[in-house]
Amino acid sequence: MVVTGKKGQNVRREVRIRIASPAPRQEHSVNEPLSEDFLRLTARTLAVVFLIVLLTSQVLHWLTNRETAELERLLAINAEVRREYTRLTAQRDELASKPRITAAAAVRLGLQLPTKEQEHRLD
């Protein structure tokens, strides 16, 4: 590199750039014990994961129980509605039966079913 100095003189100076080499990798031997900091960090991480899993499972258990209770309640209501439907259908069939309608018409309106002699067919 050329630098201009006093009185316009060119002075040549060398600039050296030093590049730091990367830190040497530390190899871990299988036989070496793990550091206490690493073991503490691992234990804390596992404890936090365990607590998260425990809390999540408890929330899911609570939600499942609540939904199961609601399902049982709805099944009981469904069974009651089916029984009521069956009872009302039987009552409707009984009220709409031919003998009942005939008897009601005879009492209220004085009507009687025609006998065979009174029936005439046009073919």
Protein backbone atom coordinates (compact mmCIF):
# COMPACT_ATOMS: atom_id res chain seq x y z
CA MET A 1 0.00 0.00 0.00
CA VAL A 2 1.30 3.44 -0.87
CA VAL A 3 0.68 6.37 1.47
CA THR A 4 1.52 9.99 0.76
CA GLY A 5 3.57 11.45 3.62
CA LYS A 6 5.09 14.86 4.36
CA LYS A 7 6.16 16.97 1.41
CA GLY A 8 4.44 14.69 -1.10
CA GLN A 9 6.75 11.80 -0.56
CA ASN A 10 5.39 8.41 -1.25
CA VAL A 11 6.04 6.03 1.60
CA ARG A 12 5.47 2.36 1.19
CA ARG A 13 4.03 0.57 4.20
CA GLU A 14 2.99 -2.99 4.63
CA VAL A 15 -0.33 -3.87 6.12
CA ARG A 16 -0.73 -7.28 7.56
CA ILE A 17 -4.15 -8.80 8.17
CA ARG A 18 -4.39 -11.55 10.68
CA ILE A 19 -7.36 -13.94 10.41
CA ALA A 20 -8.12 -15.79 13.56
CA SER A 21 -8.37 -19.49 13.09
CA PRO A 22 -11.57 -21.13 14.32
CA ALA A 23 -11.53 -22.44 17.85
CA PRO A 24 -10.49 -26.04 17.99
CA ARG A 25 -13.40 -28.45 18.37
CA GLN A 26 -13.60 -30.15 21.65
CA GLU A 27 -14.05 -33.83 21.22
CA HIS A 28 -16.13 -35.57 23.86
CA SER A 29 -15.07 -38.98 24.83
CA VAL A 30 -17.63 -41.60 25.77
CA ASN A 31 -15.71 -42.31 28.93
CA GLU A 32 -15.71 -38.67 30.12
CA PRO A 33 -18.47 -37.75 32.59
CA LEU A 34 -20.97 -35.10 31.48
CA SER A 35 -20.66 -31.66 33.00
CA GLU A 36 -22.90 -30.73 35.91
CA ASP A 37 -24.33 -27.76 34.01
CA PHE A 38 -25.39 -30.01 31.15
CA LEU A 39 -26.96 -32.51 33.55
CA ARG A 40 -28.85 -29.72 35.38
CA LEU A 41 -30.10 -28.27 32.10
CA THR A 42 -31.19 -31.71 30.90
CA ALA A 43 -33.00 -32.41 34.19
CA ARG A 44 -34.81 -29.06 34.08
CA THR A 45 -35.80 -29.57 30.45
CA LEU A 46 -37.15 -33.04 31.19
CA ALA A 47 -39.05 -31.72 34.22
CA VAL A 48 -40.66 -28.95 32.15
CA VAL A 49 -41.59 -31.39 29.38
CA PHE A 50 -43.04 -33.79 31.97
CA LEU A 51 -45.14 -31.01 33.53
CA ILE A 52 -46.42 -29.89 30.14
CA VAL A 53 -47.41 -33.45 29.22
CA LEU A 54 -49.04 -33.95 32.63
CA LEU A 55 -51.04 -30.72 32.41
CA THR A 56 -52.08 -31.43 28.83
CA SER A 57 -53.24 -34.93 29.71
CA GLN A 58 -55.24 -33.60 32.68
CA VAL A 59 -56.95 -30.99 30.53
CA LEU A 60 -57.79 -33.59 27.89
CA HIS A 61 -59.08 -35.97 30.59
CA TRP A 62 -61.30 -33.23 32.01
CA LEU A 63 -62.65 -32.34 28.55
CA THR A 64 -63.30 -36.00 27.75
CA ASN A 65 -65.20 -36.53 31.01
CA ARG A 66 -67.29 -33.42 30.43
CA GLU A 67 -68.19 -34.52 26.90
CA THR A 68 -68.97 -38.06 28.10
CA ALA A 69 -71.38 -36.68 30.71
CA GLU A 70 -73.05 -34.51 28.07
CA LEU A 71 -73.36 -37.52 25.74
CA GLU A 72 -74.97 -39.61 28.49
CA ARG A 73 -77.41 -36.78 29.24
CA LEU A 74 -78.36 -36.50 25.56
CA LEU A 75 -78.78 -40.28 25.29
CA ALA A 76 -81.17 -40.24 28.27
CA ILE A 77 -83.18 -37.42 26.67
CA ASN A 78 -83.22 -39.33 23.37
CA ALA A 79 -84.54 -42.47 25.08
CA GLU A 80 -87.28 -40.46 26.83
CA VAL A 81 -88.29 -38.80 23.55
CA ARG A 82 -88.46 -42.21 21.82
CA ARG A 83 -90.70 -43.57 24.61
CA GLU A 84 -92.95 -40.53 24.34
CA TYR A 85 -93.08 -40.89 20.55
CA THR A 86 -94.04 -44.56 20.86
CA ARG A 87 -96.78 -43.71 23.40
CA LEU A 88 -98.17 -40.90 21.24
CA THR A 89 -98.09 -43.05 18.11
CA ALA A 90 -100.05 -45.79 19.90
CA GLN A 91 -102.53 -43.21 21.19
CA ARG A 92 -102.95 -41.75 17.69
CA ASP A 93 -103.51 -45.22 16.22
CA GLU A 94 -106.08 -45.98 18.91
CA LEU A 95 -107.91 -42.68 18.33
CA ALA A 96 -107.85 -43.14 14.55
CA SER A 97 -109.06 -46.75 14.64
CA LYS A 98 -112.19 -47.59 12.68
CA PRO A 99 -114.23 -48.89 15.66
CA ARG A 100 -113.53 -45.73 17.68
CA ILE A 101 -114.42 -43.39 14.80
CA THR A 102 -117.60 -45.39 14.14
CA ALA A 103 -118.63 -45.21 17.79
CA ALA A 104 -117.86 -41.47 18.02
CA ALA A 105 -119.82 -40.77 14.82
CA ALA A 106 -122.80 -42.77 16.13
CA VAL A 107 -122.85 -40.90 19.45
CA ARG A 108 -122.18 -37.35 18.23
CA LEU A 109 -123.74 -37.32 14.78
CA GLY A 110 -126.15 -40.24 14.89
CA LEU A 111 -124.45 -41.93 11.94
CA GLN A 112 -124.23 -45.68 11.41
CA LEU A 113 -122.16 -47.73 8.99
CA PRO A 114 -124.23 -49.10 6.12
CA THR A 115 -125.10 -52.77 6.18
CA LYS A 116 -124.35 -55.09 3.26
CA GLU A 117 -127.86 -54.67 1.91
CA GLN A 118 -127.42 -50.89 1.87
CA GLU A 119 -124.21 -50.98 -0.14
CA HIS A 120 -124.45 -50.77 -3.92
CA ARG A 121 -121.48 -51.04 -6.26
CA LEU A 122 -121.34 -49.68 -9.75
CA ASP A 123 -119.09 -51.77 -11.90
